[in-house]
Amino acid sequence: MGRLARIGQWCGRALGSDGPERHTALLVSKSALAATISWVVADNLLNAQSPAFAPFSAVLIMQVTVYQSVVQSLRYVGAVAAGVAVQAALGFLAGPEVVTFALVTVAALVIGRWPALGAQRGQVATAAFFAFSTYASAAGNFEKLAQLGQIVLLVVIGSVVALAVNLAVFPPMRFRSAEFSIRTLAHALGDLLNDIHPALAAGEVEEERTEQWRTRAAQTGELITQARAGMRTAEESLYYNPRRLLRRHRERTGFENYGAVLDALERTLYQMASLTRSLDQWRDTETTYRYVAFLQSYATFLEAIADIARLLTTLDEDHLVDQTAELCRLADQAQQYRDQVATQAKDDGLPLADPTRPYGVLVVEATRLMEEFQHTSDVLRRYTST
């Protein structure tokens, strides 16, 4: 497939669905608009000596959510003001000398360690350097002071324009980010379960398989981090967002229910890590007891859990009522299979209390998995019934 074809597909996805391509195109467009407006104000209206500060600030402040734009603009303006203030204080005291520049640098770097400035801490030194250059090239004290003040003014203009554009032009409402976060973890869980349960049903717990399962389960930490970030983006998209006043968004007041589902999936993936560790020990310890029927019963239970995970990969608020009803049905079915796991273990006389054997841990993990998905179905059922 050629480059033009790939570009065409990307544009088609941006136009056809509310996905990452559309989000990217919208952010780029809003950044370009904010930068252009800032340049016009700084160059045409103010006739600033360094008008590029305004569009640069506008692009820097344009964030995914209005909330982040507000937070970053406050931090950025504060960082720039601090850098300019350091230069103004030391410059007027010692003049534009190399020693002054060294002192300005040290002071700006020290201020830049202030945690309250967050990701904008590095802008303190950057602003101080530009301020020193401007100060050194200006003629008299009044011009020096005016040029330093203009830097702060241009930064404020760029930040205000970026905030205004982000508020006025399709302010993002990232409800789908919450759903995507849940889908990501559900996919990871479902894929792992769909590899495990057929092998258990066939009694295939050889070393190569179990090590692979254990490794995959241990590598889900990064997915959990990404899912958490997506959920935070969804929550932040509500703050200061005028689109919340629209009728279609008034009923959406938060993400507590999706957060509960995400929490359950996170705990489930950690439990899968424990489950796969137990299975990885199987080859060294399971030579005494009859366990084939137990493995088959456990495989049936994991297949039922995989069905729940598959449903969560399609979670959609527009169809949440029907999906919740199906989720409750699947949870009830999985509970029956979990009960069969415990019954089979007792019927086969497996040593559930022996910590050197995997049976007890597997039964406990089955109970924990079931509790998490039962909790998930209960949360969504309460949400959809209100």
Protein backbone atom coordinates (compact mmCIF):
# COMPACT_ATOMS: atom_id res chain seq x y z
CA MET A 1 0.00 0.00 0.00
CA GLY A 2 1.43 3.36 -1.04
CA ARG A 3 1.89 6.42 1.11
CA LEU A 4 -0.94 8.29 -0.55
CA ALA A 5 -3.30 5.41 0.07
CA ARG A 6 -2.34 5.31 3.76
CA ILE A 7 -2.85 9.06 4.02
CA GLY A 8 -6.25 8.66 2.39
CA GLN A 9 -7.22 5.93 4.86
CA TRP A 10 -6.09 8.11 7.77
CA CYS A 11 -8.19 11.02 6.51
CA GLY A 12 -11.15 8.69 6.00
CA ARG A 13 -10.92 7.49 9.61
CA ALA A 14 -10.65 11.09 10.82
CA LEU A 15 -13.83 12.01 8.95
CA GLY A 16 -15.75 8.81 9.61
CA SER A 17 -15.33 8.12 13.34
CA ASP A 18 -14.65 9.79 16.65
CA GLY A 19 -11.27 8.16 17.07
CA PRO A 20 -7.63 9.17 17.59
CA GLU A 21 -7.28 10.36 14.00
CA ARG A 22 -10.10 12.88 14.41
CA HIS A 23 -8.73 13.98 17.78
CA THR A 24 -5.30 14.56 16.26
CA ALA A 25 -6.65 16.49 13.28
CA LEU A 26 -8.81 18.65 15.54
CA LEU A 27 -5.92 19.43 17.91
CA VAL A 28 -3.64 20.36 15.01
CA SER A 29 -6.31 22.58 13.47
CA LYS A 30 -7.07 24.36 16.74
CA SER A 31 -3.36 24.87 17.41
CA ALA A 32 -2.86 26.40 13.97
CA LEU A 33 -5.87 28.69 14.45
CA ALA A 34 -4.69 29.84 17.88
CA ALA A 35 -1.15 30.45 16.62
CA THR A 36 -2.41 32.48 13.65
CA ILE A 37 -4.68 34.66 15.79
CA SER A 38 -1.85 35.19 18.30
CA TRP A 39 0.53 36.25 15.53
CA VAL A 40 -1.96 38.73 14.11
CA VAL A 41 -2.53 40.28 17.55
CA ALA A 42 1.18 40.43 18.40
CA ASP A 43 2.48 41.60 15.01
CA ASN A 44 -0.32 43.65 13.46
CA LEU A 45 -1.99 45.12 16.54
CA LEU A 46 0.88 45.44 19.03
CA ASN A 47 3.73 45.69 16.52
CA ALA A 48 5.79 43.66 18.99
CA GLN A 49 9.52 43.34 18.53
CA SER A 50 9.39 39.57 19.04
CA PRO A 51 5.84 38.56 18.00
CA ALA A 52 6.75 34.86 17.79
CA PHE A 53 6.40 34.55 21.56
CA ALA A 54 2.62 34.74 21.22
CA PRO A 55 2.02 31.92 18.68
CA PHE A 56 4.68 29.79 20.36
CA SER A 57 2.80 30.13 23.64
CA ALA A 58 -0.52 29.38 21.96
CA VAL A 59 0.75 26.11 20.48
CA LEU A 60 2.37 25.11 23.78
CA ILE A 61 -0.81 25.77 25.77
CA MET A 62 -3.20 23.98 23.39
CA GLN A 63 -3.81 20.71 25.25
CA VAL A 64 -6.11 17.74 24.79
CA THR A 65 -8.55 18.99 27.43
CA VAL A 66 -9.65 22.45 28.51
CA TYR A 67 -8.63 21.63 32.06
CA GLN A 68 -5.06 20.85 31.03
CA SER A 69 -4.94 24.03 28.94
CA VAL A 70 -5.92 26.06 32.00
CA VAL A 71 -3.43 24.30 34.27
CA GLN A 72 -0.55 24.51 31.80
CA SER A 73 -1.26 28.15 30.93
CA LEU A 74 -1.09 29.17 34.59
CA ARG A 75 2.14 27.25 35.07
CA TYR A 76 3.64 28.54 31.83
CA VAL A 77 2.82 32.19 32.48
CA GLY A 78 4.16 31.80 36.01
CA ALA A 79 7.39 30.23 34.76
CA VAL A 80 7.95 32.91 32.13
CA ALA A 81 7.14 35.72 34.57
CA ALA A 82 9.60 34.25 37.08
CA GLY A 83 12.36 34.00 34.46
CA VAL A 84 11.81 37.57 33.26
CA ALA A 85 11.63 38.87 36.83
CA VAL A 86 14.97 37.23 37.70
CA GLN A 87 16.59 38.85 34.67
CA ALA A 88 15.04 42.24 35.41
CA ALA A 89 16.20 42.20 39.03
CA LEU A 90 19.76 41.07 38.39
CA GLY A 91 20.11 42.92 35.10
CA PHE A 92 19.26 46.31 36.51
CA LEU A 93 21.53 45.65 39.48
CA ALA A 94 24.63 44.34 37.66
CA GLY A 95 24.12 45.18 33.97
CA PRO A 96 24.39 42.94 30.89
CA GLU A 97 27.63 41.22 31.90
CA VAL A 98 28.72 37.61 31.65
CA VAL A 99 28.71 37.35 35.43
CA THR A 100 25.11 38.60 35.44
CA PHE A 101 24.15 35.95 32.89
CA ALA A 102 25.71 33.26 35.11
CA LEU A 103 23.80 34.54 38.14
CA VAL A 104 20.55 34.70 36.14
CA THR A 105 21.10 31.13 34.97
CA VAL A 106 21.70 29.81 38.48
CA ALA A 107 18.67 31.66 39.88
CA ALA A 108 16.41 30.51 37.01
CA LEU A 109 17.50 26.89 37.39
CA VAL A 110 16.88 27.00 41.13
CA ILE A 111 13.38 28.45 40.63
CA GLY A 112 12.79 25.85 37.92
CA ARG A 113 13.06 23.15 40.58
CA TRP A 114 9.77 24.34 42.09
CA PRO A 115 7.33 21.40 41.77
CA ALA A 116 4.29 23.70 41.46
CA LEU A 117 5.42 24.63 37.92
CA GLY A 118 5.09 21.01 36.82
CA ALA A 119 6.06 20.33 33.22
CA GLN A 120 6.71 24.05 32.64
CA ARG A 121 9.65 24.26 35.05
CA GLY A 122 12.16 24.34 32.22
CA GLN A 123 10.51 27.48 30.82
CA VAL A 124 11.92 29.56 33.71
CA ALA A 125 15.48 29.29 32.36
CA THR A 126 14.32 29.59 28.74
CA ALA A 127 12.45 32.82 29.51
CA ALA A 128 15.41 34.17 31.48
CA PHE A 129 17.76 33.57 28.54
CA PHE A 130 15.46 35.32 26.06
CA ALA A 131 14.95 38.13 28.56
CA PHE A 132 18.72 38.56 28.95
CA SER A 133 19.15 38.77 25.17
CA THR A 134 16.35 41.33 24.92
CA TYR A 135 17.73 43.30 27.86
CA ALA A 136 21.24 43.39 26.42
CA SER A 137 20.07 44.65 23.00
CA ALA A 138 17.75 47.39 24.30
CA ALA A 139 19.05 50.99 24.44
CA GLY A 140 17.84 52.69 27.64
CA ASN A 141 16.39 51.53 30.93
CA PHE A 142 12.84 52.39 29.89
CA GLU A 143 13.16 50.41 26.66
CA LYS A 144 14.73 47.50 28.54
CA LEU A 145 11.83 47.42 30.99
CA ALA A 146 9.27 47.79 28.21
CA GLN A 147 10.78 44.91 26.20
CA LEU A 148 10.87 42.63 29.23
CA GLY A 149 7.25 43.44 30.01
CA GLN A 150 6.31 42.78 26.42
CA ILE A 151 7.65 39.22 26.65
CA VAL A 152 5.24 38.47 29.49
CA LEU A 153 2.40 40.24 27.66
CA LEU A 154 2.95 38.17 24.52
CA VAL A 155 2.97 34.96 26.53
CA VAL A 156 -0.28 35.96 28.20
CA ILE A 157 -1.83 36.81 24.81
CA GLY A 158 -0.86 33.45 23.35
CA SER A 159 -2.16 31.59 26.39
CA VAL A 160 -5.47 33.48 26.44
CA VAL A 161 -6.01 32.94 22.71
CA ALA A 162 -5.28 29.21 23.07
CA LEU A 163 -7.74 28.90 25.94
CA ALA A 164 -10.39 30.83 24.02
CA VAL A 165 -9.99 28.66 20.92
CA ASN A 166 -10.04 25.45 22.97
CA LEU A 167 -13.23 26.59 24.69
CA ALA A 168 -14.98 27.85 21.57
CA VAL A 169 -14.01 25.28 18.94
CA PHE A 170 -15.25 21.77 19.77
CA PRO A 171 -13.97 21.58 23.35
CA PRO A 172 -13.12 17.90 23.77
CA MET A 173 -15.48 15.62 25.65
CA ARG A 174 -13.53 12.41 26.03
CA PHE A 175 -16.23 10.02 27.16
CA ARG A 176 -14.91 7.49 24.68
CA SER A 177 -11.47 7.60 26.32
CA ALA A 178 -12.97 5.93 29.40
CA GLU A 179 -14.50 3.20 27.26
CA PHE A 180 -11.23 2.75 25.36
CA SER A 181 -9.31 2.35 28.62
CA ILE A 182 -11.64 -0.44 29.71
CA ARG A 183 -11.51 -2.07 26.30
CA THR A 184 -7.70 -2.08 26.34
CA LEU A 185 -7.48 -4.02 29.60
CA ALA A 186 -10.38 -6.28 28.65
CA HIS A 187 -8.61 -7.17 25.39
CA ALA A 188 -5.42 -8.06 27.26
CA LEU A 189 -7.33 -10.19 29.75
CA GLY A 190 -9.45 -11.90 27.10
CA ASP A 191 -6.48 -12.72 24.86
CA LEU A 192 -4.63 -14.31 27.78
CA LEU A 193 -7.65 -16.31 28.92
CA ASN A 194 -8.36 -17.53 25.39
CA ASP A 195 -4.84 -18.94 25.25
CA ILE A 196 -5.04 -20.60 28.64
CA HIS A 197 -8.45 -22.30 28.80
CA PRO A 198 -8.09 -24.50 25.65
CA ALA A 199 -4.71 -25.74 26.89
CA LEU A 200 -6.10 -26.56 30.33
CA ALA A 201 -9.04 -28.37 28.79
CA ALA A 202 -6.58 -30.55 26.89
CA GLY A 203 -4.35 -31.04 29.95
CA GLU A 204 -1.44 -29.26 28.27
CA VAL A 205 0.51 -27.46 31.00
CA GLU A 206 4.02 -27.97 29.71
CA GLU A 207 6.82 -25.60 30.67
CA GLU A 208 6.94 -23.56 27.46
CA ARG A 209 3.24 -22.69 27.61
CA THR A 210 3.09 -21.82 31.29
CA GLU A 211 6.20 -19.64 31.13
CA GLN A 212 4.70 -17.74 28.23
CA TRP A 213 1.45 -17.17 30.14
CA ARG A 214 3.35 -16.01 33.20
CA THR A 215 5.47 -13.58 31.16
CA ARG A 216 2.44 -12.10 29.41
CA ALA A 217 0.56 -11.65 32.66
CA ALA A 218 3.57 -9.92 34.21
CA GLN A 219 3.82 -7.47 31.30
CA THR A 220 0.39 -5.91 31.69
CA GLY A 221 1.64 -3.13 33.98
CA GLU A 222 2.29 -0.76 31.07
CA LEU A 223 -1.22 -1.37 29.70
CA ILE A 224 -2.68 -0.56 33.11
CA THR A 225 -0.69 2.70 33.23
CA GLN A 226 -1.94 3.69 29.77
CA ALA A 227 -5.53 2.83 30.70
CA ARG A 228 -5.26 4.96 33.84
CA ALA A 229 -3.99 7.87 31.75
CA GLY A 230 -6.93 7.50 29.37
CA MET A 231 -9.37 7.54 32.28
CA ARG A 232 -7.77 10.68 33.71
CA THR A 233 -8.10 12.37 30.31
CA ALA A 234 -11.78 11.46 30.21
CA GLU A 235 -12.37 12.86 33.69
CA GLU A 236 -10.44 16.07 32.96
CA SER A 237 -12.41 16.66 29.77
CA LEU A 238 -15.40 17.58 31.94
CA TYR A 239 -13.69 20.38 33.83
CA TYR A 240 -14.42 23.93 32.60
CA ASN A 241 -16.05 22.47 29.49
CA PRO A 242 -19.06 24.47 28.21
CA ARG A 243 -20.35 21.46 26.26
CA ARG A 244 -21.51 19.99 29.58
CA LEU A 245 -24.40 22.47 29.36
CA LEU A 246 -25.72 20.78 26.23
CA ARG A 247 -28.73 18.52 26.77
CA ARG A 248 -27.02 15.38 25.49
CA HIS A 249 -24.21 15.75 28.05
CA ARG A 250 -26.16 16.93 31.11
CA GLU A 251 -26.77 13.44 32.42
CA ARG A 252 -23.09 12.56 32.20
CA THR A 253 -21.72 13.83 35.47
CA GLY A 254 -18.67 11.68 35.96
CA PHE A 255 -16.82 8.43 35.40
CA GLU A 256 -17.17 6.76 38.80
CA ASN A 257 -18.84 3.69 37.28
CA TYR A 258 -16.30 3.27 34.50
CA GLY A 259 -13.61 3.86 37.10
CA ALA A 260 -14.98 0.98 39.17
CA VAL A 261 -14.89 -1.29 36.11
CA LEU A 262 -11.32 -0.23 35.37
CA ASP A 263 -10.32 -0.91 38.98
CA ALA A 264 -11.83 -4.38 38.77
CA LEU A 265 -10.00 -5.15 35.52
CA GLU A 266 -6.73 -3.93 36.99
CA ARG A 267 -7.11 -6.20 40.02
CA THR A 268 -8.13 -9.06 37.74
CA LEU A 269 -4.94 -8.74 35.69
CA TYR A 270 -2.87 -8.83 38.87
CA GLN A 271 -4.76 -11.94 39.92
CA MET A 272 -4.02 -13.49 36.54
CA ALA A 273 -0.34 -12.98 37.29
CA SER A 274 -0.76 -15.05 40.47
CA LEU A 275 -2.80 -17.67 38.62
CA THR A 276 -0.21 -18.08 35.88
CA ARG A 277 2.58 -18.35 38.47
CA SER A 278 0.73 -21.27 40.00
CA LEU A 279 0.28 -22.91 36.62
CA ASP A 280 3.98 -22.41 35.90
CA GLN A 281 4.78 -24.54 38.97
CA TRP A 282 2.55 -27.37 37.80
CA ARG A 283 5.15 -29.41 36.01
CA ASP A 284 7.30 -29.67 39.15
CA THR A 285 4.63 -30.60 41.68
CA GLU A 286 1.73 -32.40 40.01
CA THR A 287 2.68 -36.07 39.85
CA THR A 288 0.60 -37.54 42.68
CA TYR A 289 -3.05 -36.46 42.37
CA ARG A 290 -5.68 -36.95 39.70
CA TYR A 291 -6.28 -33.47 38.31
CA VAL A 292 -7.53 -33.90 34.73
CA ALA A 293 -11.19 -33.33 35.63
CA PHE A 294 -10.20 -30.36 37.79
CA LEU A 295 -8.27 -28.79 34.90
CA GLN A 296 -11.21 -29.26 32.56
CA SER A 297 -13.57 -27.69 35.08
CA TYR A 298 -11.15 -24.80 35.56
CA ALA A 299 -10.90 -24.35 31.79
CA THR A 300 -14.68 -24.09 31.54
CA PHE A 301 -14.67 -21.40 34.23
CA LEU A 302 -11.88 -19.41 32.50
CA GLU A 303 -13.76 -19.63 29.21
CA ALA A 304 -16.78 -18.08 30.92
CA ILE A 305 -14.57 -15.29 32.27
CA ALA A 306 -13.18 -14.78 28.76
CA ASP A 307 -16.74 -14.29 27.50
CA ILE A 308 -17.19 -11.48 30.06
CA ALA A 309 -13.90 -9.90 28.98
CA ARG A 310 -15.01 -10.10 25.35
CA LEU A 311 -18.20 -8.24 26.21
CA LEU A 312 -16.22 -5.51 27.99
CA THR A 313 -14.11 -5.01 24.85
CA THR A 314 -17.26 -3.71 23.15
CA LEU A 315 -18.44 -1.50 26.01
CA ASP A 316 -20.43 1.40 24.60
CA GLU A 317 -22.49 3.87 26.62
CA ASP A 318 -25.08 4.06 23.84
CA HIS A 319 -25.80 0.34 24.34
CA LEU A 320 -24.91 0.02 28.00
CA VAL A 321 -28.35 -1.12 29.19
CA ASP A 322 -28.41 -4.17 26.93
CA GLN A 323 -24.73 -4.88 27.54
CA THR A 324 -25.21 -4.75 31.30
CA ALA A 325 -28.06 -7.26 31.12
CA GLU A 326 -25.84 -9.60 29.11
CA LEU A 327 -22.95 -9.03 31.52
CA CYS A 328 -25.12 -10.01 34.48
CA ARG A 329 -26.21 -13.18 32.68
CA LEU A 330 -22.60 -14.10 31.92
CA ALA A 331 -21.55 -13.37 35.51
CA ASP A 332 -24.25 -15.69 36.86
CA GLN A 333 -23.13 -18.39 34.47
CA ALA A 334 -19.47 -17.95 35.44
CA GLN A 335 -20.45 -18.19 39.13
CA GLN A 336 -21.96 -21.61 38.49
CA TYR A 337 -18.74 -22.76 36.81
CA ARG A 338 -16.69 -21.42 39.72
CA ASP A 339 -18.80 -23.46 42.12
CA GLN A 340 -18.11 -26.51 39.96
CA VAL A 341 -14.36 -25.85 40.23
CA ALA A 342 -14.52 -25.93 44.04
CA THR A 343 -16.77 -29.01 44.00
CA GLN A 344 -14.48 -30.86 41.59
CA ALA A 345 -11.43 -30.11 43.71
CA LYS A 346 -13.15 -31.58 46.78
CA ASP A 347 -14.48 -34.61 44.89
CA ASP A 348 -10.98 -35.40 43.62
CA GLY A 349 -9.52 -35.02 47.11
CA LEU A 350 -7.04 -32.38 46.03
CA PRO A 351 -4.91 -30.85 48.82
CA LEU A 352 -6.32 -27.32 48.84
CA ALA A 353 -4.58 -26.40 52.10
CA ASP A 354 -1.11 -27.52 50.93
CA PRO A 355 0.88 -24.34 50.06
CA THR A 356 3.33 -26.38 47.99
CA ARG A 357 0.56 -27.44 45.62
CA PRO A 358 -1.19 -25.10 43.13
CA TYR A 359 -4.77 -26.28 43.73
CA GLY A 360 -5.62 -24.08 46.67
CA VAL A 361 -4.24 -20.95 44.98
CA LEU A 362 -6.14 -21.72 41.78
CA VAL A 363 -9.43 -22.11 43.65
CA VAL A 364 -8.81 -18.90 45.57
CA GLU A 365 -7.97 -17.00 42.37
CA ALA A 366 -11.11 -18.33 40.72
CA THR A 367 -13.12 -16.96 43.64
CA ARG A 368 -11.37 -13.58 43.42
CA LEU A 369 -11.86 -13.35 39.68
CA MET A 370 -15.54 -14.10 40.12
CA GLU A 371 -15.90 -11.50 42.86
CA GLU A 372 -14.41 -8.78 40.64
CA PHE A 373 -16.69 -9.51 37.70
CA GLN A 374 -19.71 -9.85 39.95
CA HIS A 375 -18.85 -6.44 41.39
CA THR A 376 -18.48 -5.04 37.87
CA SER A 377 -21.90 -6.29 36.80
CA ASP A 378 -23.47 -4.93 40.01
CA VAL A 379 -21.92 -1.47 39.48
CA LEU A 380 -23.12 -1.21 35.89
CA ARG A 381 -26.55 -2.57 36.80
CA ARG A 382 -26.99 0.16 39.44
CA TYR A 383 -25.77 2.79 36.98
CA THR A 384 -28.13 1.76 34.19
CA SER A 385 -31.13 1.41 36.50
CA THR A 386 -30.97 5.03 37.75
